[in-house]
Amino acid sequence: MKRLRQITKDVDISGYTVFNAIGGEGGQGRWRDDQVTGGAGSKVLFMSILNDEKATEFLTAIEPLLDEYGLLVAISTVEVIRADRF
């Protein structure tokens, strides 16, 4: 997360939220955080709402991290109800 936080500063992203993952299932099977030994506790969901230009800049900046950390990126078009907050 330290590198990701620095990238948000470098590309001037002023807002994001980080969610801790407690479990799930994927290509390598089921996983969960037993809250004793860790594991899934190191898995997080990073979410930020960005315009197209800022999203492209952010994706370019994190591209070297994708394979290095096995990151998954999902992009979606959203409608912001309280746009004055962004």
C-alpha atoms as a PDB file:
ATOM      1  CA  MET A   1       0.000   0.000   0.000  1.00  0.00           C
ATOM      2  CA  LYS A   2       2.894   2.350   0.608  1.00  0.00           C
ATOM      3  CA  ARG A   3       3.821   2.404  -3.092  1.00  0.00           C
ATOM      4  CA  LEU A   4       0.184   2.759  -4.143  1.00  0.00           C
ATOM      5  CA  ARG A   5      -0.317   5.687  -1.760  1.00  0.00           C
ATOM      6  CA  GLN A   6       2.770   7.377  -3.198  1.00  0.00           C
ATOM      7  CA  ILE A   7       1.438   6.916  -6.726  1.00  0.00           C
ATOM      8  CA  THR A   8      -1.863   8.558  -5.730  1.00  0.00           C
ATOM      9  CA  LYS A   9       0.142  11.560  -4.530  1.00  0.00           C
ATOM     10  CA  ASP A  10       2.346  11.577  -7.629  1.00  0.00           C
ATOM     11  CA  VAL A  11      -0.652  11.700  -9.993  1.00  0.00           C
ATOM     12  CA  ASP A  12      -2.622  14.032  -7.711  1.00  0.00           C
ATOM     13  CA  ILE A  13      -5.447  11.715  -6.690  1.00  0.00           C
ATOM     14  CA  SER A  14      -7.042  13.378  -3.695  1.00  0.00           C
ATOM     15  CA  GLY A  15      -9.487  10.694  -2.636  1.00  0.00           C
ATOM     16  CA  TYR A  16      -9.609   6.939  -2.336  1.00  0.00           C
ATOM     17  CA  THR A  17     -10.862   4.245   0.025  1.00  0.00           C
ATOM     18  CA  VAL A  18      -9.139   1.013   1.048  1.00  0.00           C
ATOM     19  CA  PHE A  19     -11.225  -1.994   2.117  1.00  0.00           C
ATOM     20  CA  ASN A  20      -9.691  -4.996   3.907  1.00  0.00           C
ATOM     21  CA  ALA A  21     -10.628  -8.368   2.409  1.00  0.00           C
ATOM     22  CA  ILE A  22     -11.780 -11.138   4.737  1.00  0.00           C
ATOM     23  CA  GLY A  23     -12.121 -13.935   2.222  1.00  0.00           C
ATOM     24  CA  GLY A  24     -13.136 -15.050  -1.215  1.00  0.00           C
ATOM     25  CA  GLU A  25     -12.628 -17.584  -3.955  1.00  0.00           C
ATOM     26  CA  GLY A  26     -10.777 -17.325  -7.240  1.00  0.00           C
ATOM     27  CA  GLY A  27      -8.583 -19.105  -9.737  1.00  0.00           C
ATOM     28  CA  GLN A  28      -6.418 -20.587  -6.994  1.00  0.00           C
ATOM     29  CA  GLY A  29      -9.302 -21.689  -4.807  1.00  0.00           C
ATOM     30  CA  ARG A  30     -10.894 -20.411  -1.646  1.00  0.00           C
ATOM     31  CA  TRP A  31      -9.028 -18.164   0.773  1.00  0.00           C
ATOM     32  CA  ARG A  32      -9.931 -16.430   3.993  1.00  0.00           C
ATOM     33  CA  ASP A  33      -8.382 -14.413   6.758  1.00  0.00           C
ATOM     34  CA  ASP A  34      -8.406 -16.466   9.951  1.00  0.00           C
ATOM     35  CA  GLN A  35      -7.484 -13.267  11.834  1.00  0.00           C
ATOM     36  CA  VAL A  36      -4.683 -15.151  13.588  1.00  0.00           C
ATOM     37  CA  THR A  37      -2.029 -15.922  10.983  1.00  0.00           C
ATOM     38  CA  GLY A  38      -2.904 -13.194   8.462  1.00  0.00           C
ATOM     39  CA  GLY A  39      -3.206 -14.221   4.843  1.00  0.00           C
ATOM     40  CA  ALA A  40      -6.218 -12.455   3.402  1.00  0.00           C
ATOM     41  CA  GLY A  41      -5.571  -9.539   5.730  1.00  0.00           C
ATOM     42  CA  SER A  42      -2.952  -8.389   3.284  1.00  0.00           C
ATOM     43  CA  LYS A  43      -5.514  -8.381   0.464  1.00  0.00           C
ATOM     44  CA  VAL A  44      -7.262  -5.069  -0.013  1.00  0.00           C
ATOM     45  CA  LEU A  45      -9.641  -3.377  -2.401  1.00  0.00           C
ATOM     46  CA  PHE A  46      -8.517   0.094  -3.427  1.00  0.00           C
ATOM     47  CA  MET A  47     -11.291   2.265  -4.842  1.00  0.00           C
ATOM     48  CA  SER A  48     -11.181   5.742  -6.324  1.00  0.00           C
ATOM     49  CA  ILE A  49     -13.536   7.678  -8.582  1.00  0.00           C
ATOM     50  CA  LEU A  50     -11.561   9.389 -11.342  1.00  0.00           C
ATOM     51  CA  ASN A  51     -12.224  11.120 -14.624  1.00  0.00           C
ATOM     52  CA  ASP A  52     -10.926   9.435 -17.798  1.00  0.00           C
ATOM     53  CA  GLU A  53      -7.726  11.479 -17.943  1.00  0.00           C
ATOM     54  CA  LYS A  54      -6.792  10.864 -14.311  1.00  0.00           C
ATOM     55  CA  ALA A  55      -7.693   7.153 -14.582  1.00  0.00           C
ATOM     56  CA  THR A  56      -5.376   6.743 -17.579  1.00  0.00           C
ATOM     57  CA  GLU A  57      -2.579   8.539 -15.731  1.00  0.00           C
ATOM     58  CA  PHE A  58      -3.086   6.338 -12.654  1.00  0.00           C
ATOM     59  CA  LEU A  59      -3.193   3.107 -14.682  1.00  0.00           C
ATOM     60  CA  THR A  60       0.004   4.038 -16.498  1.00  0.00           C
ATOM     61  CA  ALA A  61       1.694   4.704 -13.149  1.00  0.00           C
ATOM     62  CA  ILE A  62       0.628   1.385 -11.568  1.00  0.00           C
ATOM     63  CA  GLU A  63       1.296  -0.763 -14.632  1.00  0.00           C
ATOM     64  CA  PRO A  64       4.711  -1.939 -13.339  1.00  0.00           C
ATOM     65  CA  LEU A  65       3.025  -3.144 -10.139  1.00  0.00           C
ATOM     66  CA  LEU A  66       0.418  -5.329 -11.854  1.00  0.00           C
ATOM     67  CA  ASP A  67       2.605  -8.391 -12.384  1.00  0.00           C
ATOM     68  CA  GLU A  68       4.947  -7.683  -9.489  1.00  0.00           C
ATOM     69  CA  TYR A  69       2.115  -7.798  -6.948  1.00  0.00           C
ATOM     70  CA  GLY A  70      -0.524  -9.748  -8.881  1.00  0.00           C
ATOM     71  CA  LEU A  71      -2.891  -6.786  -8.887  1.00  0.00           C
ATOM     72  CA  LEU A  72      -6.317  -6.931 -10.453  1.00  0.00           C
ATOM     73  CA  VAL A  73      -7.745  -3.760 -11.979  1.00  0.00           C
ATOM     74  CA  ALA A  74     -11.441  -3.260 -12.678  1.00  0.00           C
ATOM     75  CA  ILE A  75     -12.738  -0.162 -14.440  1.00  0.00           C
ATOM     76  CA  SER A  76     -16.366   0.855 -14.521  1.00  0.00           C
ATOM     77  CA  THR A  77     -18.358   3.862 -15.602  1.00  0.00           C
ATOM     78  CA  VAL A  78     -20.254   5.329 -12.676  1.00  0.00           C
ATOM     79  CA  GLU A  79     -22.721   8.121 -12.118  1.00  0.00           C
ATOM     80  CA  VAL A  80     -21.855  10.303  -9.144  1.00  0.00           C
ATOM     81  CA  ILE A  81     -24.967  11.648  -7.454  1.00  0.00           C
ATOM     82  CA  ARG A  82     -23.126  14.254  -5.377  1.00  0.00           C
ATOM     83  CA  ALA A  83     -20.670  15.424  -8.041  1.00  0.00           C
ATOM     84  CA  ASP A  84     -19.955  18.635  -6.129  1.00  0.00           C
ATOM     85  CA  ARG A  85     -17.958  16.502  -3.694  1.00  0.00           C
ATOM     86  CA  PHE A  86     -15.410  15.532  -6.378  1.00  0.00           C
END
